[in-house]
Protein backbone atom coordinates (compact mmCIF):
# COMPACT_ATOMS: atom_id res chain seq x y z
CA UNK A 1 106.63 134.62 -43.07
CA UNK A 2 108.68 133.00 -45.81
CA UNK A 3 110.49 129.74 -45.20
CA UNK A 4 114.05 130.58 -44.13
CA UNK A 5 115.42 127.61 -46.05
CA UNK A 6 114.37 128.94 -49.44
CA UNK A 7 117.49 128.61 -51.65
CA UNK A 8 118.56 131.07 -54.30
CA UNK A 9 118.96 128.52 -57.08
CA UNK A 10 118.70 129.41 -60.74
CA UNK A 11 116.68 127.50 -63.29
CA UNK A 12 118.51 127.56 -66.59
CA UNK A 13 117.13 127.11 -70.07
CA UNK A 14 114.31 124.62 -69.66
CA UNK A 15 111.85 127.05 -68.04
CA UNK A 16 112.81 130.43 -69.43
CA UNK A 17 115.75 132.44 -70.55
CA UNK A 18 115.68 134.42 -67.32
CA UNK A 19 116.69 133.18 -63.88
CA UNK A 20 113.83 132.33 -61.52
CA UNK A 21 113.76 131.86 -57.79
CA UNK A 22 113.10 128.23 -56.86
CA UNK A 23 112.23 126.29 -53.74
CA UNK A 24 114.72 123.73 -52.44
CA UNK A 25 113.06 120.99 -54.52
CA UNK A 26 112.99 123.07 -57.70
CA UNK A 27 109.48 124.56 -57.83
CA UNK A 28 108.95 128.10 -59.05
CA UNK A 29 108.33 130.40 -56.08
CA UNK A 30 106.38 132.98 -58.06
CA UNK A 31 102.69 132.89 -58.86
CA UNK A 32 101.64 132.19 -62.42
CA UNK A 33 100.85 135.01 -64.84
CA UNK A 34 97.17 135.46 -63.95
CA UNK A 35 97.54 134.69 -60.24
CA UNK A 36 95.35 131.57 -60.35
CA UNK A 37 98.35 129.65 -58.96
CA UNK A 38 99.65 131.62 -55.95
CA UNK A 39 103.25 132.16 -54.93
CA UNK A 40 104.78 129.54 -52.65
CA UNK A 41 105.52 130.74 -49.13
CA UNK A 42 106.38 127.52 -47.28
CA UNK A 43 104.58 128.54 -44.11
CA UNK A 44 101.40 126.46 -44.34
CA UNK A 45 100.12 125.22 -40.99
CA UNK A 46 96.62 123.82 -40.79
CA UNK A 47 94.40 124.84 -37.92
CA UNK A 48 92.79 122.27 -35.67
CA UNK A 49 93.70 118.74 -34.60
CA UNK A 50 94.54 115.81 -36.84
CA UNK A 51 93.71 116.37 -40.48
CA UNK A 52 90.74 118.68 -40.12
CA UNK A 53 90.06 120.38 -43.43
CA UNK A 54 91.59 123.88 -43.39
CA UNK A 55 89.61 124.83 -46.50
CA UNK A 56 86.24 123.43 -45.45
CA UNK A 57 84.58 126.83 -45.80
CA UNK A 58 85.57 127.33 -49.43
CA UNK A 59 83.23 126.87 -52.37
CA UNK A 60 84.14 125.58 -55.80
CA UNK A 61 84.86 128.31 -58.33
CA UNK A 62 84.23 126.07 -61.33
CA UNK A 63 82.63 122.73 -62.16
CA UNK A 64 83.97 120.98 -65.25
CA UNK A 65 81.64 118.35 -66.69
CA UNK A 66 80.95 116.68 -70.02
CA UNK A 67 78.97 119.66 -71.30
CA UNK A 68 81.80 122.18 -70.88
CA UNK A 69 84.90 120.02 -71.06
CA UNK A 70 86.05 121.44 -74.39
CA UNK A 71 86.19 124.97 -72.96
CA UNK A 72 88.73 123.80 -70.36
CA UNK A 73 90.82 121.24 -72.27
CA UNK A 74 93.92 123.45 -72.07
CA UNK A 75 94.09 122.65 -68.36
CA UNK A 76 93.03 119.00 -68.52
CA UNK A 77 94.79 115.76 -69.42
CA UNK A 78 93.62 113.16 -71.92
CA UNK A 79 92.70 110.84 -69.05
CA UNK A 80 90.50 113.45 -67.41
CA UNK A 81 88.75 114.19 -70.69
CA UNK A 82 88.17 110.48 -71.24
CA UNK A 83 86.57 110.10 -67.78
CA UNK A 84 84.34 113.15 -68.29
CA UNK A 85 83.14 111.77 -71.61
CA UNK A 86 82.69 108.19 -70.37
CA UNK A 87 80.64 109.16 -67.30
CA UNK A 88 78.83 112.34 -68.40
CA UNK A 89 76.12 112.05 -65.75
CA UNK A 90 78.28 111.52 -62.68
CA UNK A 91 81.95 112.40 -63.19
CA UNK A 92 82.93 116.04 -62.79
CA UNK A 93 85.78 118.14 -61.46
CA UNK A 94 84.96 120.72 -58.83
CA UNK A 95 87.78 123.26 -59.00
CA UNK A 96 88.64 125.27 -55.90
CA UNK A 97 91.07 128.14 -55.21
CA UNK A 98 94.65 126.88 -55.38
CA UNK A 99 96.74 126.58 -52.22
CA UNK A 100 100.41 125.62 -52.33
CA UNK A 101 100.45 123.77 -49.02
CA UNK A 102 103.63 121.71 -49.54
CA UNK A 103 106.02 121.98 -46.59
CA UNK A 104 109.09 119.82 -45.97
CA UNK A 105 111.46 119.54 -42.98
CA UNK A 106 114.53 121.77 -43.09
CA UNK A 107 116.83 118.72 -43.21
CA UNK A 108 115.06 117.43 -46.33
CA UNK A 109 115.38 120.82 -48.03
CA UNK A 110 119.09 120.97 -47.19
CA UNK A 111 119.60 117.49 -48.69
CA UNK A 112 117.81 118.59 -51.88
CA UNK A 113 120.11 121.60 -52.18
CA UNK A 114 123.12 119.30 -51.80
CA UNK A 115 121.69 116.96 -54.44
CA UNK A 116 121.22 119.78 -56.93
CA UNK A 117 125.01 120.08 -57.05
CA UNK A 118 126.10 116.47 -56.54
CA UNK A 119 123.57 113.81 -57.53
CA UNK A 120 123.81 112.10 -60.89
CA UNK A 121 122.41 109.12 -62.73
CA UNK A 122 124.49 105.97 -62.57
CA UNK A 123 126.63 105.08 -65.59
CA UNK A 124 123.94 102.68 -66.84
CA UNK A 125 121.20 105.28 -66.08
CA UNK A 126 119.33 102.69 -63.98
CA UNK A 127 120.15 104.21 -60.59
CA UNK A 128 121.24 107.36 -58.76
CA UNK A 129 124.61 108.15 -57.25
CA UNK A 130 126.03 110.88 -55.03
CA UNK A 131 122.71 111.84 -53.45
CA UNK A 132 121.64 112.43 -49.86
CA UNK A 133 118.19 111.59 -48.59
CA UNK A 134 115.51 112.79 -51.00
CA UNK A 135 114.85 114.69 -54.25
CA UNK A 136 118.05 113.95 -56.17
CA UNK A 137 117.32 116.24 -59.15
CA UNK A 138 115.59 119.52 -58.18
CA UNK A 139 116.23 120.87 -61.69
CA UNK A 140 115.86 117.76 -63.88
CA UNK A 141 117.55 117.70 -67.26
CA UNK A 142 115.51 114.77 -68.60
CA UNK A 143 112.47 112.64 -67.94
CA UNK A 144 114.33 109.92 -66.08
CA UNK A 145 115.62 112.40 -63.51
CA UNK A 146 112.06 113.65 -62.96
CA UNK A 147 110.84 110.08 -62.38
CA UNK A 148 113.57 109.54 -59.79
CA UNK A 149 112.36 112.61 -57.92
CA UNK A 150 108.99 110.90 -57.50
CA UNK A 151 110.59 107.62 -56.40
CA UNK A 152 112.86 109.42 -53.93
CA UNK A 153 110.49 112.03 -52.56
CA UNK A 154 110.02 112.52 -48.84
CA UNK A 155 107.24 110.58 -47.11
CA UNK A 156 108.01 111.15 -43.46
CA UNK A 157 111.10 108.95 -43.20
CA UNK A 158 108.84 106.11 -42.07
CA UNK A 159 105.10 105.55 -42.09
CA UNK A 160 102.53 103.21 -40.61
CA UNK A 161 98.96 103.13 -41.81
CA UNK A 162 95.85 100.98 -41.92
CA UNK A 163 94.52 101.26 -45.45
CA UNK A 164 91.76 99.80 -47.56
CA UNK A 165 92.02 98.53 -51.12
CA UNK A 166 88.67 98.45 -52.91
CA UNK A 167 87.94 96.55 -56.13
CA UNK A 168 84.81 97.98 -57.78
CA UNK A 169 82.96 96.20 -60.57
CA UNK A 170 81.17 97.81 -63.52
CA UNK A 171 77.78 97.44 -61.79
CA UNK A 172 79.02 99.30 -58.70
CA UNK A 173 79.47 96.29 -56.42
CA UNK A 174 82.76 96.17 -54.57
CA UNK A 175 84.99 94.10 -52.32
CA UNK A 176 87.44 95.30 -49.67
CA UNK A 177 90.89 94.21 -48.58
CA UNK A 178 92.20 95.79 -45.39
CA UNK A 179 95.95 96.09 -45.09
CA UNK A 180 98.36 97.17 -42.38
CA UNK A 181 101.32 98.79 -44.11
CA UNK A 182 104.74 99.91 -42.89
CA UNK A 183 107.41 101.65 -44.95
CA UNK A 184 110.81 102.66 -43.55
CA UNK A 185 113.65 104.59 -45.17
CA UNK A 186 117.27 104.06 -44.03
CA UNK A 187 117.37 107.23 -41.92
CA UNK A 188 114.82 105.70 -39.51
CA UNK A 189 116.23 102.17 -39.45
CA UNK A 190 118.42 100.80 -36.66
CA UNK A 191 120.90 98.26 -37.98
CA UNK A 192 121.17 99.75 -41.47
CA UNK A 193 124.63 99.14 -42.97
CA UNK A 194 125.62 102.02 -45.25
CA UNK A 195 127.99 99.76 -47.19
CA UNK A 196 126.12 96.45 -47.39
CA UNK A 197 122.71 98.09 -47.83
CA UNK A 198 123.71 101.08 -49.94
CA UNK A 199 121.50 99.99 -52.86
CA UNK A 200 118.37 99.63 -50.68
CA UNK A 201 116.08 102.67 -50.92
CA UNK A 202 113.36 101.53 -48.49
CA UNK A 203 111.86 98.57 -46.65
CA UNK A 204 108.12 97.88 -46.87
CA UNK A 205 105.79 95.35 -45.28
CA UNK A 206 102.10 94.78 -45.98
CA UNK A 207 100.00 92.48 -43.79
CA UNK A 208 96.45 91.63 -44.87
CA UNK A 209 93.98 92.06 -42.01
CA UNK A 210 90.70 91.23 -43.82
CA UNK A 211 88.89 89.42 -45.39
CA UNK A 212 89.47 86.27 -43.33
CA UNK A 213 90.42 84.17 -46.35
CA UNK A 214 93.44 86.41 -46.93
CA UNK A 215 94.16 87.52 -43.36
CA UNK A 216 97.69 86.84 -42.21
CA UNK A 217 99.28 86.94 -45.65
CA UNK A 218 102.30 89.25 -45.63
CA UNK A 219 104.38 90.85 -48.37
CA UNK A 220 107.90 92.04 -47.58
CA UNK A 221 109.85 94.22 -50.02
CA UNK A 222 113.38 95.58 -50.03
CA UNK A 223 113.12 98.31 -52.65
CA UNK A 224 116.49 98.66 -54.33
CA UNK A 225 117.69 101.77 -56.14
CA UNK A 226 119.33 100.18 -59.19
CA UNK A 227 116.98 97.27 -59.89
CA UNK A 228 118.90 96.14 -62.95
CA UNK A 229 122.03 95.71 -60.88
CA UNK A 230 120.08 94.19 -57.96
CA UNK A 231 116.39 93.39 -58.63
CA UNK A 232 113.74 94.32 -56.09
CA UNK A 233 113.82 91.75 -53.27
CA UNK A 234 110.38 90.47 -52.27
CA UNK A 235 109.02 87.64 -50.14
CA UNK A 236 105.49 86.39 -49.45
CA UNK A 237 104.31 84.71 -46.27
CA UNK A 238 101.29 82.49 -46.95
CA UNK A 239 99.32 82.14 -43.72
CA UNK A 240 97.55 78.97 -44.86
CA UNK A 241 100.79 77.18 -45.70
CA UNK A 242 102.87 78.96 -43.04
CA UNK A 243 105.65 79.29 -45.55
CA UNK A 244 107.84 82.16 -46.68
CA UNK A 245 108.72 82.21 -50.38
CA UNK A 246 110.59 84.55 -52.66
CA UNK A 247 108.22 86.62 -54.81
CA UNK A 248 110.06 87.75 -57.95
CA UNK A 249 106.69 88.45 -59.60
CA UNK A 250 106.26 91.53 -57.38
CA UNK A 251 107.82 93.81 -59.97
CA UNK A 252 107.01 95.60 -63.23
CA UNK A 253 103.66 94.33 -64.59
CA UNK A 254 103.32 91.45 -62.13
CA UNK A 255 99.82 91.49 -60.60
CA UNK A 256 99.26 93.74 -57.60
CA UNK A 257 98.25 92.04 -54.35
CA UNK A 258 94.53 91.15 -54.19
CA UNK A 259 93.77 93.71 -56.91
CA UNK A 260 91.74 91.45 -59.24
CA UNK A 261 93.98 92.36 -62.16
CA UNK A 262 93.37 96.11 -61.86
CA UNK A 263 96.83 97.03 -60.59
CA UNK A 264 100.30 96.01 -61.66
CA UNK A 265 103.06 95.86 -59.06
CA UNK A 266 104.52 99.08 -60.44
CA UNK A 267 101.15 100.86 -60.24
CA UNK A 268 101.59 101.17 -56.47
CA UNK A 269 102.30 104.75 -55.34
CA UNK A 270 101.07 105.78 -58.80
CA UNK A 271 104.36 104.48 -60.25
CA UNK A 272 107.14 102.61 -58.45
CA UNK A 273 109.91 100.10 -59.05
CA UNK A 274 112.43 100.26 -61.83
CA UNK A 275 112.07 102.71 -64.75
CA UNK A 276 114.48 100.81 -67.00
CA UNK A 277 111.92 99.38 -69.45
CA UNK A 278 110.91 102.81 -70.75
CA UNK A 279 112.50 105.70 -72.58
CA UNK A 280 111.54 108.83 -70.65
CA UNK A 281 110.94 112.24 -72.20
CA UNK A 282 110.54 115.45 -70.20
CA UNK A 283 107.90 117.50 -72.02
CA UNK A 284 108.07 120.54 -69.75
CA UNK A 285 105.54 122.19 -67.46
CA UNK A 286 101.82 122.68 -67.81
CA UNK A 287 99.11 124.28 -65.67
CA UNK A 288 96.61 121.51 -64.95
CA UNK A 289 93.64 120.94 -62.64
CA UNK A 290 94.87 118.16 -60.36
CA UNK A 291 93.54 116.51 -57.16
CA UNK A 292 94.92 118.64 -54.33
CA UNK A 293 94.24 119.20 -50.63
CA UNK A 294 91.76 116.32 -50.53
CA UNK A 295 91.12 116.47 -46.80
CA UNK A 296 87.53 115.31 -47.18
CA UNK A 297 88.82 111.88 -48.21
CA UNK A 298 90.71 111.55 -44.92
CA UNK A 299 87.60 111.92 -42.76
CA UNK A 300 87.69 108.85 -40.44
CA UNK A 301 83.90 108.79 -40.25
CA UNK A 302 83.62 107.88 -43.94
CA UNK A 303 82.77 104.34 -44.97
CA UNK A 304 83.77 102.57 -48.16
CA UNK A 305 80.15 102.92 -49.30
CA UNK A 306 80.47 106.71 -49.00
CA UNK A 307 83.49 106.72 -51.33
CA UNK A 308 83.02 103.91 -53.85
CA UNK A 309 80.51 104.78 -56.56
CA UNK A 310 79.58 103.17 -59.87
CA UNK A 311 82.33 103.82 -62.42
CA UNK A 312 84.41 106.07 -60.15
CA UNK A 313 84.75 107.35 -56.61
CA UNK A 314 82.24 109.83 -55.22
CA UNK A 315 83.32 113.09 -56.86
CA UNK A 316 81.53 115.12 -54.19
CA UNK A 317 84.38 114.14 -51.86
CA UNK A 318 87.14 115.32 -54.19
CA UNK A 319 88.82 118.67 -54.69
CA UNK A 320 90.80 119.93 -57.71
CA UNK A 321 93.09 122.94 -57.96
CA UNK A 322 95.19 124.44 -60.73
CA UNK A 323 98.90 123.68 -60.21
CA UNK A 324 102.04 123.57 -62.31
CA UNK A 325 103.04 120.02 -63.16
CA UNK A 326 105.91 118.42 -65.01
CA UNK A 327 104.72 116.20 -67.86
CA UNK A 328 106.85 113.09 -68.42
CA UNK A 329 106.18 110.47 -71.11
CA UNK A 330 107.58 106.95 -70.89
CA UNK A 331 107.61 104.83 -74.09
CA UNK A 332 108.34 101.12 -73.89
CA UNK A 333 111.81 100.34 -75.20
CA UNK A 334 112.25 98.07 -78.20
CA UNK A 335 112.62 94.48 -77.04
CA UNK A 336 111.18 95.17 -73.57
CA UNK A 337 107.91 93.68 -72.32
CA UNK A 338 105.18 95.35 -70.28
CA UNK A 339 101.38 95.46 -70.52
CA UNK A 340 101.64 99.26 -70.76
CA UNK A 341 103.22 100.45 -73.99
CA UNK A 342 103.26 104.06 -72.76
CA UNK A 343 102.88 105.89 -69.48
CA UNK A 344 102.22 109.60 -69.14
CA UNK A 345 102.95 111.10 -65.73
CA UNK A 346 102.01 114.52 -64.34
CA UNK A 347 104.21 115.45 -61.36
CA UNK A 348 103.30 118.27 -58.98
CA UNK A 349 106.14 120.82 -59.01
CA UNK A 350 105.99 121.43 -55.24
CA UNK A 351 106.23 117.78 -54.13
CA UNK A 352 107.41 115.73 -57.16
CA UNK A 353 104.44 113.51 -56.40
CA UNK A 354 102.58 112.06 -59.38
CA UNK A 355 99.13 113.64 -59.39
CA UNK A 356 97.74 112.00 -62.54
CA UNK A 357 98.91 109.14 -64.76
CA UNK A 358 97.76 107.61 -68.03
CA UNK A 359 98.59 104.07 -69.09
CA UNK A 360 98.28 102.90 -72.72
CA UNK A 361 97.82 99.37 -74.03
CA UNK A 362 99.93 97.69 -76.71
CA UNK A 363 97.67 99.05 -79.46
CA UNK A 364 98.48 102.57 -78.33
CA UNK A 365 95.01 103.14 -76.88
CA UNK A 366 94.40 104.85 -73.54
CA UNK A 367 93.56 101.98 -71.20
CA UNK A 368 93.85 103.12 -67.61
CA UNK A 369 93.81 106.47 -65.87
CA UNK A 370 95.09 107.06 -62.33
CA UNK A 371 94.49 109.84 -59.82
CA UNK A 372 96.53 110.49 -56.68
CA UNK A 373 94.53 112.51 -54.15
CA UNK A 374 97.11 114.80 -52.54
CA UNK A 375 97.03 115.82 -48.89
CA UNK A 376 99.62 117.70 -46.84
CA UNK A 377 99.98 115.77 -43.58
CA UNK A 378 100.86 118.94 -41.75
CA UNK A 379 101.57 117.27 -38.41
CA UNK A 380 104.57 115.59 -40.07
CA UNK A 381 105.48 118.16 -42.76
CA UNK A 382 104.76 115.41 -45.29
CA UNK A 383 102.87 115.57 -48.59
CA UNK A 384 101.30 112.26 -49.64
CA UNK A 385 98.02 110.70 -50.80
CA UNK A 386 94.65 110.39 -49.12
CA UNK A 387 94.01 107.62 -51.67
CA UNK A 388 94.80 106.55 -55.23
CA UNK A 389 92.33 105.46 -57.91
CA UNK A 390 93.03 103.42 -61.04
CA UNK A 391 90.24 103.48 -63.61
CA UNK A 392 90.01 100.86 -66.35
CA UNK A 393 88.41 102.68 -69.27
CA UNK A 394 87.74 99.43 -71.14
CA UNK A 395 85.92 97.40 -68.49
CA UNK A 396 84.48 100.26 -66.37
CA UNK A 397 86.01 98.60 -63.30
CA UNK A 398 88.33 100.46 -60.97
CA UNK A 399 90.53 100.14 -57.92
CA UNK A 400 90.90 102.40 -54.89
CA UNK A 401 94.23 101.99 -53.12
CA UNK A 402 95.39 103.44 -49.79
CA UNK A 403 91.98 104.61 -48.59
CA UNK A 404 91.98 105.63 -44.92
CA UNK A 405 88.29 105.06 -44.07
CA UNK A 406 87.37 103.59 -40.67
CA UNK A 407 90.95 104.24 -39.51
CA UNK A 408 91.38 103.94 -35.75
CA UNK A 409 94.32 106.36 -35.78
CA UNK A 410 95.96 108.73 -38.27
CA UNK A 411 98.99 107.74 -40.31
CA UNK A 412 102.04 107.59 -38.05
CA UNK A 413 105.15 109.14 -39.59
CA UNK A 414 108.73 109.28 -38.38
CA UNK A 415 108.96 106.28 -36.06
CA UNK A 416 112.20 104.33 -35.66
CA UNK A 417 112.36 100.64 -36.53
CA UNK A 418 114.81 97.77 -36.54
CA UNK A 419 116.22 96.29 -39.70
CA UNK A 420 115.60 92.83 -38.22
CA UNK A 421 111.83 93.47 -38.42
CA UNK A 422 112.07 93.64 -42.20
CA UNK A 423 113.81 90.34 -42.84
CA UNK A 424 112.20 87.13 -44.21
CA UNK A 425 112.85 85.30 -40.94
CA UNK A 426 110.57 87.73 -39.11
CA UNK A 427 107.50 87.00 -41.28
CA UNK A 428 106.46 83.71 -39.65
CA UNK A 429 106.21 85.42 -36.28
CA UNK A 430 103.92 88.10 -37.71
CA UNK A 431 101.33 85.84 -39.37
CA UNK A 432 98.02 85.51 -37.52
CA UNK A 433 96.86 82.14 -38.86
């Protein structure tokens, strides 16, 4: 049965000369020409409790490795090719039948339809105005609008998870940081002031649980929409000092928390923060093999040792499918500073979630490659990641972020919270040292 909230929008010019039926967030409903990407129906419901893998019985239809990479380059990105060539004996892509599992609540789809007619970039192009909720630009006219769709995509309204960040060295050894993370959007926040807080997009709090030397440290972020007008607000609670301090370094290419230099602050969620330091170009759609429906990576019985391999994560646990993606290229503006001179983003058309990203150094060389391992959290009608990986192609080190191994409970979406819980004054009461 087709989703009853499917809008009859028209896509003009940038996709084809003929009108096409789109989903509420702007994805093409129809299958691709050869049927390898199916039509979207919007009725996906996984069988079984929790996040049991609905496609566990499927077999891969193709394995792409170093010895056949050139035959499949039309559906691969430069980062994928680089990984296949760098790790010819262990890195591969097992490609499975494609399933368009993205489902969103009716209220989110209605907001996206409203935004298609009303949302616009701010006069300085550093923010968004006139939008409701999520997905401000279902039919983006430029690269910046596409990036905002990723920033403002739906992730359950609020989420609570216990996640693991893993730093892996070139020899395969690794260290773990366990983090309790909460993120809340205004719709789920009691005490939100629509006037005073209108430029705040979300509130986030990360508390380190382990190792003991870092336990009790807490990061609090008020993520603003227009970060040129009002920079991201961040505070750190240091458990050893029992002090709360402003943390202006938690932005742009400031170092990511406990990431051993492998993640910038804006590498979180594949790309986050303010897009103002780059010129963004929308290069259109491509059909690419991307990480999709990675339910195996959500298995709570997995350990870090099962996932973290030498050079890259265990590819036997991953799944790739062919999907249509928007390609967006960000080039560092003249006079701006960032360790990445260029970013290339590949955004899934059904979710506006970045599936793959490439980051280039200041010599113009491909430096880092990121993968976001998509999962549809069907119990909350929420697409998100089972984990993210950032590979450093120079040092052979890499970072896993947001891994759900050894989790005592699944991610909780949709809870209500109080604004007072996400204020600097609350941090001292939350520290455990």
